Amino acid sequence: MAPVVVRRISFRRGLAAHAGIDLPRMQGFGGDTAWTSVSSPLRHLLNHPDDSGEISADQARELAPVLHDALTALAAEDFDGLWGPDSHNGRAGRDRVALLTLCGAEGLPVIFI
């Protein structure tokens, strides 16, 4: 179970760093900075539990291209294999982008269970 938790944290940290978000300062990650202060659409994913709630279709449409661009940039700068196309983060990211794109196009929320 521990490797899954580490990967989720690594995924969030990488995306946050790419977007210029200091994750440890954010609410829910040990800090007191409100997510409403973040303009990046990545906030919809970063400030969301992995196992409950939903992202609206509008949020999915906003988030999908930004997530795709972030993943592409992280893969291009990848020196330790964490973001390459065959890595866990690379595969998980592509899956998330595909799901967000589909749900946004169909007008459906992304439901986390």
C-alpha atoms as a PDB file:
ATOM      1  CA  MET A   1       0.000   0.000   0.000  1.00  0.00           C
ATOM      2  CA  ALA A   2       2.806   2.455   0.736  1.00  0.00           C
ATOM      3  CA  PRO A   3       4.050   2.674  -2.896  1.00  0.00           C
ATOM      4  CA  VAL A   4       0.602   3.769  -4.067  1.00  0.00           C
ATOM      5  CA  VAL A   5       0.523   6.564  -1.491  1.00  0.00           C
ATOM      6  CA  VAL A   6       4.024   7.678  -2.455  1.00  0.00           C
ATOM      7  CA  ARG A   7       3.056   7.740  -6.123  1.00  0.00           C
ATOM      8  CA  ARG A   8      -0.058   9.812  -5.468  1.00  0.00           C
ATOM      9  CA  ILE A   9       1.956  12.287  -3.440  1.00  0.00           C
ATOM     10  CA  SER A  10       4.655  12.392  -6.131  1.00  0.00           C
ATOM     11  CA  PHE A  11       2.020  13.012  -8.802  1.00  0.00           C
ATOM     12  CA  ARG A  12       0.466  15.900  -6.873  1.00  0.00           C
ATOM     13  CA  ARG A  13       3.823  17.396  -5.919  1.00  0.00           C
ATOM     14  CA  GLY A  14       5.063  17.309  -9.503  1.00  0.00           C
ATOM     15  CA  LEU A  15       1.945  18.958 -10.877  1.00  0.00           C
ATOM     16  CA  ALA A  16       1.902  21.560  -8.113  1.00  0.00           C
ATOM     17  CA  ALA A  17       5.556  22.426  -8.632  1.00  0.00           C
ATOM     18  CA  HIS A  18       4.996  22.748 -12.375  1.00  0.00           C
ATOM     19  CA  ALA A  19       2.118  25.180 -11.734  1.00  0.00           C
ATOM     20  CA  GLY A  20       4.124  27.180  -9.184  1.00  0.00           C
ATOM     21  CA  ILE A  21       1.974  26.002  -6.287  1.00  0.00           C
ATOM     22  CA  ASP A  22       3.762  25.454  -2.982  1.00  0.00           C
ATOM     23  CA  LEU A  23       1.745  22.386  -1.988  1.00  0.00           C
ATOM     24  CA  PRO A  24       2.857  22.232   1.686  1.00  0.00           C
ATOM     25  CA  ARG A  25       1.463  25.750   2.174  1.00  0.00           C
ATOM     26  CA  MET A  26      -1.984  24.802   0.853  1.00  0.00           C
ATOM     27  CA  GLN A  27      -4.994  23.845   2.938  1.00  0.00           C
ATOM     28  CA  GLY A  28      -5.220  20.088   3.233  1.00  0.00           C
ATOM     29  CA  PHE A  29      -1.463  19.673   2.818  1.00  0.00           C
ATOM     30  CA  GLY A  30      -0.301  21.216   6.087  1.00  0.00           C
ATOM     31  CA  GLY A  31      -0.659  24.899   5.299  1.00  0.00           C
ATOM     32  CA  ASP A  32      -3.331  27.547   5.545  1.00  0.00           C
ATOM     33  CA  THR A  33      -3.333  29.060   2.048  1.00  0.00           C
ATOM     34  CA  ALA A  34      -6.812  28.780   0.539  1.00  0.00           C
ATOM     35  CA  TRP A  35      -7.216  27.040  -2.815  1.00  0.00           C
ATOM     36  CA  THR A  36      -9.352  29.956  -3.981  1.00  0.00           C
ATOM     37  CA  SER A  37      -6.080  31.903  -4.270  1.00  0.00           C
ATOM     38  CA  VAL A  38      -4.858  29.527  -7.009  1.00  0.00           C
ATOM     39  CA  SER A  39      -5.753  30.489 -10.573  1.00  0.00           C
ATOM     40  CA  SER A  40      -4.465  27.343 -12.318  1.00  0.00           C
ATOM     41  CA  PRO A  41      -7.149  24.860 -13.337  1.00  0.00           C
ATOM     42  CA  LEU A  42      -4.879  22.206 -11.807  1.00  0.00           C
ATOM     43  CA  ARG A  43      -6.449  23.271  -8.501  1.00  0.00           C
ATOM     44  CA  HIS A  44      -9.516  21.200  -9.433  1.00  0.00           C
ATOM     45  CA  LEU A  45      -7.390  18.044  -9.337  1.00  0.00           C
ATOM     46  CA  LEU A  46      -4.820  18.948  -6.680  1.00  0.00           C
ATOM     47  CA  ASN A  47      -7.443  19.999  -4.152  1.00  0.00           C
ATOM     48  CA  HIS A  48      -9.529  16.893  -4.587  1.00  0.00           C
ATOM     49  CA  PRO A  49      -9.573  13.595  -2.696  1.00  0.00           C
ATOM     50  CA  ASP A  50      -8.712  10.501  -4.697  1.00  0.00           C
ATOM     51  CA  ASP A  51     -11.680   8.494  -3.458  1.00  0.00           C
ATOM     52  CA  SER A  52     -14.754  10.735  -3.184  1.00  0.00           C
ATOM     53  CA  GLY A  53     -16.563  13.685  -4.721  1.00  0.00           C
ATOM     54  CA  GLU A  54     -16.622  14.849  -8.303  1.00  0.00           C
ATOM     55  CA  ILE A  55     -15.198  17.291 -10.793  1.00  0.00           C
ATOM     56  CA  SER A  56     -17.871  18.992 -12.878  1.00  0.00           C
ATOM     57  CA  ALA A  57     -17.975  18.773 -16.668  1.00  0.00           C
ATOM     58  CA  ASP A  58     -17.025  22.458 -16.876  1.00  0.00           C
ATOM     59  CA  GLN A  59     -14.046  21.887 -14.583  1.00  0.00           C
ATOM     60  CA  ALA A  60     -13.059  18.819 -16.620  1.00  0.00           C
ATOM     61  CA  ARG A  61     -13.091  20.864 -19.855  1.00  0.00           C
ATOM     62  CA  GLU A  62     -10.941  23.531 -18.197  1.00  0.00           C
ATOM     63  CA  LEU A  63      -8.576  21.044 -16.575  1.00  0.00           C
ATOM     64  CA  ALA A  64      -7.902  18.521 -19.375  1.00  0.00           C
ATOM     65  CA  PRO A  65      -5.718  20.682 -21.674  1.00  0.00           C
ATOM     66  CA  VAL A  66      -3.814  22.221 -18.759  1.00  0.00           C
ATOM     67  CA  LEU A  67      -3.124  18.786 -17.284  1.00  0.00           C
ATOM     68  CA  HIS A  68      -2.002  17.535 -20.699  1.00  0.00           C
ATOM     69  CA  ASP A  69       0.384  20.479 -21.099  1.00  0.00           C
ATOM     70  CA  ALA A  70       1.753  20.023 -17.563  1.00  0.00           C
ATOM     71  CA  LEU A  71       2.374  16.317 -18.122  1.00  0.00           C
ATOM     72  CA  THR A  72       4.083  17.010 -21.445  1.00  0.00           C
ATOM     73  CA  ALA A  73       6.369  19.592 -19.832  1.00  0.00           C
ATOM     74  CA  LEU A  74       7.164  17.334 -16.881  1.00  0.00           C
ATOM     75  CA  ALA A  75       8.019  14.448 -19.197  1.00  0.00           C
ATOM     76  CA  ALA A  76      10.334  16.685 -21.238  1.00  0.00           C
ATOM     77  CA  GLU A  77      12.198  17.716 -18.068  1.00  0.00           C
ATOM     78  CA  ASP A  78      12.221  14.195 -16.601  1.00  0.00           C
ATOM     79  CA  PHE A  79      15.667  13.128 -15.471  1.00  0.00           C
ATOM     80  CA  ASP A  80      14.736  10.312 -13.102  1.00  0.00           C
ATOM     81  CA  GLY A  81      12.006   8.450 -14.960  1.00  0.00           C
ATOM     82  CA  LEU A  82       9.074   9.646 -12.837  1.00  0.00           C
ATOM     83  CA  TRP A  83       7.178  11.342 -15.666  1.00  0.00           C
ATOM     84  CA  GLY A  84       8.096   9.414 -18.801  1.00  0.00           C
ATOM     85  CA  PRO A  85       5.381   7.832 -20.940  1.00  0.00           C
ATOM     86  CA  ASP A  86       5.977   4.389 -19.443  1.00  0.00           C
ATOM     87  CA  SER A  87       6.153   5.539 -15.821  1.00  0.00           C
ATOM     88  CA  HIS A  88       3.275   5.244 -13.363  1.00  0.00           C
ATOM     89  CA  ASN A  89       2.817   9.024 -13.379  1.00  0.00           C
ATOM     90  CA  GLY A  90       2.899   9.155 -17.186  1.00  0.00           C
ATOM     91  CA  ARG A  91       0.279   6.421 -17.581  1.00  0.00           C
ATOM     92  CA  ALA A  92      -1.911   7.777 -14.761  1.00  0.00           C
ATOM     93  CA  GLY A  93      -1.697  11.267 -16.214  1.00  0.00           C
ATOM     94  CA  ARG A  94      -2.704  10.171 -19.712  1.00  0.00           C
ATOM     95  CA  ASP A  95      -5.619   8.202 -18.250  1.00  0.00           C
ATOM     96  CA  ARG A  96      -6.772  11.260 -16.305  1.00  0.00           C
ATOM     97  CA  VAL A  97      -6.531  13.522 -19.356  1.00  0.00           C
ATOM     98  CA  ALA A  98      -8.537  11.038 -21.443  1.00  0.00           C
ATOM     99  CA  LEU A  99     -11.223  10.752 -18.782  1.00  0.00           C
ATOM    100  CA  LEU A 100     -11.441  14.514 -18.255  1.00  0.00           C
ATOM    101  CA  THR A 101     -11.639  15.116 -22.002  1.00  0.00           C
ATOM    102  CA  LEU A 102     -14.388  12.539 -22.473  1.00  0.00           C
ATOM    103  CA  CYS A 103     -16.451  13.733 -19.509  1.00  0.00           C
ATOM    104  CA  GLY A 104     -16.056  17.375 -20.534  1.00  0.00           C
ATOM    105  CA  ALA A 105     -17.139  16.620 -24.094  1.00  0.00           C
ATOM    106  CA  GLU A 106     -20.138  14.583 -22.949  1.00  0.00           C
ATOM    107  CA  GLY A 107     -21.157  17.099 -20.262  1.00  0.00           C
ATOM    108  CA  LEU A 108     -20.648  14.549 -17.498  1.00  0.00           C
ATOM    109  CA  PRO A 109     -18.956  14.949 -14.117  1.00  0.00           C
ATOM    110  CA  VAL A 110     -15.892  12.905 -13.191  1.00  0.00           C
ATOM    111  CA  ILE A 111     -16.937  10.926 -10.132  1.00  0.00           C
ATOM    112  CA  PHE A 112     -14.282   9.708  -7.705  1.00  0.00           C
ATOM    113  CA  ILE A 113     -15.014   6.499  -5.794  1.00  0.00           C
END
